[in-house]
Amino acid sequence: MPPPVFDHERLDVYRLSIDSVASSYRIARSLAGIDRPVRDQWMRAAQSISLNFAEGNGKQS
């Protein structure tokens, strides 16, 4: 039996945002020291974009 597929996983914009998070993680690994607070904020923002798409897709207007 295939794993369940949620509605937001079918959205192209959601899949692109997940790719963006993965790219951000790869780049952020190189940031350390004084850049660490910037890296942490960047990662939270990147994750938030995907989560907002998922949440917004489940709401009825």
C-alpha atoms as a PDB file:
ATOM      1  CA  MET A   1       0.000   0.000   0.000  1.00  0.00           C
ATOM      2  CA  PRO A   2       1.496   3.401  -0.971  1.00  0.00           C
ATOM      3  CA  PRO A   3       2.021   5.999   1.742  1.00  0.00           C
ATOM      4  CA  PRO A   4      -0.766   8.547   2.159  1.00  0.00           C
ATOM      5  CA  VAL A   5      -0.485  11.630   0.001  1.00  0.00           C
ATOM      6  CA  PHE A   6      -1.773  14.855   1.483  1.00  0.00           C
ATOM      7  CA  ASP A   7      -3.323  17.529  -0.715  1.00  0.00           C
ATOM      8  CA  HIS A   8      -0.479  19.996  -0.155  1.00  0.00           C
ATOM      9  CA  GLU A   9       2.062  17.414  -1.370  1.00  0.00           C
ATOM     10  CA  ARG A  10       0.460  17.640  -4.815  1.00  0.00           C
ATOM     11  CA  LEU A  11       1.110  21.386  -5.107  1.00  0.00           C
ATOM     12  CA  ASP A  12       4.039  22.378  -7.321  1.00  0.00           C
ATOM     13  CA  VAL A  13       4.763  25.395  -5.139  1.00  0.00           C
ATOM     14  CA  TYR A  14       4.986  23.160  -2.060  1.00  0.00           C
ATOM     15  CA  ARG A  15       7.421  20.785  -3.773  1.00  0.00           C
ATOM     16  CA  LEU A  16       9.541  23.735  -4.916  1.00  0.00           C
ATOM     17  CA  SER A  17       9.591  25.124  -1.379  1.00  0.00           C
ATOM     18  CA  ILE A  18      10.806  21.748  -0.067  1.00  0.00           C
ATOM     19  CA  ASP A  19      13.601  21.818  -2.666  1.00  0.00           C
ATOM     20  CA  SER A  20      14.437  25.329  -1.477  1.00  0.00           C
ATOM     21  CA  VAL A  21      14.696  24.117   2.135  1.00  0.00           C
ATOM     22  CA  ALA A  22      17.066  21.341   1.053  1.00  0.00           C
ATOM     23  CA  SER A  23      19.229  23.824  -0.860  1.00  0.00           C
ATOM     24  CA  SER A  24      19.232  26.180   2.106  1.00  0.00           C
ATOM     25  CA  TYR A  25      20.423  23.399   4.401  1.00  0.00           C
ATOM     26  CA  ARG A  26      23.299  22.557   2.066  1.00  0.00           C
ATOM     27  CA  ILE A  27      24.440  26.180   1.944  1.00  0.00           C
ATOM     28  CA  ALA A  28      23.842  26.856   5.646  1.00  0.00           C
ATOM     29  CA  ARG A  29      26.179  24.075   6.725  1.00  0.00           C
ATOM     30  CA  SER A  30      29.098  26.303   5.796  1.00  0.00           C
ATOM     31  CA  LEU A  31      27.950  29.170   8.034  1.00  0.00           C
ATOM     32  CA  ALA A  32      29.394  29.179  11.542  1.00  0.00           C
ATOM     33  CA  GLY A  33      30.723  31.511  14.188  1.00  0.00           C
ATOM     34  CA  ILE A  34      29.399  35.041  13.818  1.00  0.00           C
ATOM     35  CA  ASP A  35      27.045  33.919  11.023  1.00  0.00           C
ATOM     36  CA  ARG A  36      25.267  31.349  13.202  1.00  0.00           C
ATOM     37  CA  PRO A  37      22.285  33.569  14.238  1.00  0.00           C
ATOM     38  CA  VAL A  38      21.731  34.469  10.579  1.00  0.00           C
ATOM     39  CA  ARG A  39      21.880  30.805   9.618  1.00  0.00           C
ATOM     40  CA  ASP A  40      19.356  29.854  12.290  1.00  0.00           C
ATOM     41  CA  GLN A  41      16.917  32.574  11.215  1.00  0.00           C
ATOM     42  CA  TRP A  42      17.351  31.629   7.558  1.00  0.00           C
ATOM     43  CA  MET A  43      16.548  27.986   8.298  1.00  0.00           C
ATOM     44  CA  ARG A  44      13.440  28.870  10.336  1.00  0.00           C
ATOM     45  CA  ALA A  45      12.217  31.124   7.517  1.00  0.00           C
ATOM     46  CA  ALA A  46      12.828  28.467   4.850  1.00  0.00           C
ATOM     47  CA  GLN A  47      10.907  25.869   6.850  1.00  0.00           C
ATOM     48  CA  SER A  48       8.109  28.320   7.576  1.00  0.00           C
ATOM     49  CA  ILE A  49       7.411  28.852   3.878  1.00  0.00           C
ATOM     50  CA  SER A  50       6.701  25.155   3.301  1.00  0.00           C
ATOM     51  CA  LEU A  51       4.659  24.851   6.478  1.00  0.00           C
ATOM     52  CA  ASN A  52       2.555  27.868   5.520  1.00  0.00           C
ATOM     53  CA  PHE A  53       1.726  26.355   2.128  1.00  0.00           C
ATOM     54  CA  ALA A  54       0.666  23.108   3.803  1.00  0.00           C
ATOM     55  CA  GLU A  55      -1.442  24.895   6.408  1.00  0.00           C
ATOM     56  CA  GLY A  56      -3.039  27.257   3.916  1.00  0.00           C
ATOM     57  CA  ASN A  57      -3.998  24.444   1.578  1.00  0.00           C
ATOM     58  CA  GLY A  58      -6.022  22.778   4.320  1.00  0.00           C
ATOM     59  CA  LYS A  59      -8.134  25.838   5.106  1.00  0.00           C
ATOM     60  CA  GLN A  60     -11.539  26.513   3.612  1.00  0.00           C
ATOM     61  CA  SER A  61     -12.469  30.052   2.634  1.00  0.00           C
END
